[in-house]
C-alpha atoms as a PDB file:
ATOM      1  CA  MET A   1      48.964 -16.496-143.275  1.00  0.00           C
ATOM      2  CA  LYS A   2      45.422 -16.274-141.752  1.00  0.00           C
ATOM      3  CA  ILE A   3      43.099 -13.855-143.492  1.00  0.00           C
ATOM      4  CA  MET A   4      39.988 -12.240-141.948  1.00  0.00           C
ATOM      5  CA  ASN A   5      37.404 -10.424-144.011  1.00  0.00           C
ATOM      6  CA  CYS A   6      36.727  -6.968-142.597  1.00  0.00           C
ATOM      7  CA  PRO A   7      33.154  -5.902-143.544  1.00  0.00           C
ATOM      8  CA  LEU A   8      34.401  -2.390-144.260  1.00  0.00           C
ATOM      9  CA  ASN A   9      37.973  -2.955-145.644  1.00  0.00           C
ATOM     10  CA  GLY A  10      37.823  -6.389-147.178  1.00  0.00           C
ATOM     11  CA  PRO A  11      40.256  -9.361-146.638  1.00  0.00           C
ATOM     12  CA  ARG A  12      43.232  -8.498-144.387  1.00  0.00           C
ATOM     13  CA  ASN A  13      45.964 -10.393-142.492  1.00  0.00           C
ATOM     14  CA  ILE A  14      44.735 -11.368-139.017  1.00  0.00           C
ATOM     15  CA  SER A  15      47.585  -9.338-137.476  1.00  0.00           C
ATOM     16  CA  GLU A  16      45.600  -6.185-138.496  1.00  0.00           C
ATOM     17  CA  PHE A  17      42.797  -7.017-136.015  1.00  0.00           C
ATOM     18  CA  THR A  18      42.343  -6.926-132.223  1.00  0.00           C
ATOM     19  CA  TYR A  19      39.981  -9.379-130.424  1.00  0.00           C
ATOM     20  CA  GLY A  20      37.342  -7.489-128.385  1.00  0.00           C
ATOM     21  CA  GLY A  21      35.644 -10.368-126.466  1.00  0.00           C
ATOM     22  CA  GLU A  22      32.540 -12.371-126.874  1.00  0.00           C
ATOM     23  CA  PHE A  23      29.320 -10.841-127.917  1.00  0.00           C
ATOM     24  CA  LYS A  24      26.479 -11.006-125.311  1.00  0.00           C
ATOM     25  CA  VAL A  25      23.148  -9.364-125.112  1.00  0.00           C
ATOM     26  CA  MET A  26      23.378  -6.411-122.752  1.00  0.00           C
ATOM     27  CA  PRO A  27      20.834  -6.539-119.904  1.00  0.00           C
ATOM     28  CA  ASP A  28      18.701  -3.414-119.287  1.00  0.00           C
ATOM     29  CA  PRO A  29      20.969  -1.223-117.076  1.00  0.00           C
ATOM     30  CA  ALA A  30      17.906   0.405-115.574  1.00  0.00           C
ATOM     31  CA  THR A  31      16.335  -2.782-114.360  1.00  0.00           C
ATOM     32  CA  CYS A  32      19.050  -5.407-113.959  1.00  0.00           C
ATOM     33  CA  SER A  33      20.675  -6.206-110.569  1.00  0.00           C
ATOM     34  CA  ASP A  34      24.271  -5.387-109.780  1.00  0.00           C
ATOM     35  CA  ALA A  35      25.116  -9.116-109.968  1.00  0.00           C
ATOM     36  CA  GLU A  36      23.528  -9.358-113.465  1.00  0.00           C
ATOM     37  CA  TRP A  37      25.491  -6.320-114.652  1.00  0.00           C
ATOM     38  CA  ALA A  38      28.744  -7.694-113.162  1.00  0.00           C
ATOM     39  CA  ASP A  39      28.129 -10.941-114.864  1.00  0.00           C
ATOM     40  CA  TYR A  40      27.672  -9.242-118.242  1.00  0.00           C
ATOM     41  CA  VAL A  41      30.703  -7.081-117.806  1.00  0.00           C
ATOM     42  CA  PHE A  42      33.277  -9.469-116.276  1.00  0.00           C
ATOM     43  CA  ASN A  43      32.299 -13.114-117.077  1.00  0.00           C
ATOM     44  CA  SER A  44      32.407 -15.004-120.340  1.00  0.00           C
ATOM     45  CA  ASP A  45      30.907 -18.276-121.340  1.00  0.00           C
ATOM     46  CA  ASN A  46      34.025 -19.538-123.151  1.00  0.00           C
ATOM     47  CA  GLU A  47      32.028 -22.140-124.984  1.00  0.00           C
ATOM     48  CA  ALA A  48      33.274 -24.735-127.474  1.00  0.00           C
ATOM     49  CA  GLY A  49      31.607 -24.367-130.832  1.00  0.00           C
ATOM     50  CA  VAL A  50      30.313 -21.456-132.892  1.00  0.00           C
ATOM     51  CA  VAL A  51      30.408 -18.082-131.052  1.00  0.00           C
ATOM     52  CA  ARG A  52      30.031 -14.383-131.924  1.00  0.00           C
ATOM     53  CA  ASP A  53      32.956 -12.197-131.046  1.00  0.00           C
ATOM     54  CA  TRP A  54      33.709  -8.494-131.237  1.00  0.00           C
ATOM     55  CA  TRP A  55      36.705  -7.622-133.480  1.00  0.00           C
ATOM     56  CA  MET A  56      38.342  -4.280-134.482  1.00  0.00           C
ATOM     57  CA  HIS A  57      40.295  -3.532-137.597  1.00  0.00           C
ATOM     58  CA  ASN A  58      43.266  -1.536-136.095  1.00  0.00           C
ATOM     59  CA  ALA A  59      43.964   0.637-139.081  1.00  0.00           C
ATOM     60  CA  SER A  60      40.451   1.960-139.392  1.00  0.00           C
ATOM     61  CA  SER A  61      39.274   1.488-135.719  1.00  0.00           C
ATOM     62  CA  TYR A  62      36.234  -0.247-137.281  1.00  0.00           C
ATOM     63  CA  TRP A  63      34.354  -2.555-134.870  1.00  0.00           C
ATOM     64  CA  PHE A  64      32.416  -5.534-136.189  1.00  0.00           C
ATOM     65  CA  LEU A  65      31.151  -8.973-135.285  1.00  0.00           C
ATOM     66  CA  ALA A  66      32.484 -12.367-136.362  1.00  0.00           C
ATOM     67  CA  GLU A  67      31.158 -15.847-136.032  1.00  0.00           C
ATOM     68  CA  ARG A  68      33.851 -18.386-135.549  1.00  0.00           C
ATOM     69  CA  HIS A  69      34.262 -21.948-134.369  1.00  0.00           C
ATOM     70  CA  THR A  70      36.343 -21.952-131.249  1.00  0.00           C
ATOM     71  CA  VAL A  71      37.561 -25.521-131.656  1.00  0.00           C
ATOM     72  CA  THR A  72      38.743 -25.249-135.306  1.00  0.00           C
ATOM     73  CA  ASP A  73      39.296 -21.383-135.224  1.00  0.00           C
ATOM     74  CA  GLN A  74      37.455 -21.321-138.571  1.00  0.00           C
ATOM     75  CA  ILE A  75      35.911 -17.844-139.314  1.00  0.00           C
ATOM     76  CA  ILE A  76      32.390 -18.510-140.542  1.00  0.00           C
ATOM     77  CA  ARG A  77      31.441 -14.973-141.309  1.00  0.00           C
ATOM     78  CA  THR A  78      32.070 -11.353-140.428  1.00  0.00           C
ATOM     79  CA  PHE A  79      29.400  -8.673-140.383  1.00  0.00           C
ATOM     80  CA  ASP A  80      28.565  -5.072-139.330  1.00  0.00           C
ATOM     81  CA  ALA A  81      27.090  -4.817-135.922  1.00  0.00           C
ATOM     82  CA  LYS A  82      24.059  -2.936-137.355  1.00  0.00           C
ATOM     83  CA  GLU A  83      22.721  -6.443-138.213  1.00  0.00           C
ATOM     84  CA  VAL A  84      22.263  -6.902-134.461  1.00  0.00           C
ATOM     85  CA  PHE A  85      21.614  -3.354-133.214  1.00  0.00           C
ATOM     86  CA  ASN A  86      18.807  -1.306-134.555  1.00  0.00           C
ATOM     87  CA  GLN A  87      18.703   1.433-131.910  1.00  0.00           C
ATOM     88  CA  ARG A  88      21.021   3.348-129.655  1.00  0.00           C
ATOM     89  CA  VAL A  89      20.992   2.520-125.920  1.00  0.00           C
ATOM     90  CA  GLU A  90      21.000   5.609-123.715  1.00  0.00           C
ATOM     91  CA  PHE A  91      22.525   5.425-120.243  1.00  0.00           C
ATOM     92  CA  THR A  92      21.315   7.685-117.495  1.00  0.00           C
ATOM     93  CA  ALA A  93      22.991   8.684-114.291  1.00  0.00           C
ATOM     94  CA  HIS A  94      21.791   6.726-111.403  1.00  0.00           C
ATOM     95  CA  GLU A  95      21.893   8.431-108.045  1.00  0.00           C
ATOM     96  CA  GLU A  96      21.187   6.621-104.809  1.00  0.00           C
ATOM     97  CA  GLY A  97      20.231   8.310-101.576  1.00  0.00           C
ATOM     98  CA  VAL A  98      19.754  11.702-103.054  1.00  0.00           C
ATOM     99  CA  ALA A  99      17.103  13.642-101.236  1.00  0.00           C
END
C-alpha cells in the first residue's frame, strides 16, 4: 500500500487522493499573450526527475503541493500551497472592442 502524507490530515492511502496536474508559475493574465496563456493552461513539461504537482485529498477537498520524482515515483515531500502563494490573484473582465 502506498502512503501519501496530507499536510492537513496526515498519512493516508494514495487512493484517497486525486492528481491535479503539474505546478507551473502562472503568467500575468493582464499582460501575457493568448499563446502564453494557452501554453500555461493546456501544455505540460512532463519532465523526468523531481517535479511539483497539485494533489487533492478527496475526503476533505484539501488542495496541496507535492514534490515527487517522476522516474522512481518517490514522494519527497508534501506541503501547503501557502508556502508558494503569499497573495491572492484577482482576475478582471477583459472586454475587446467595447466603445
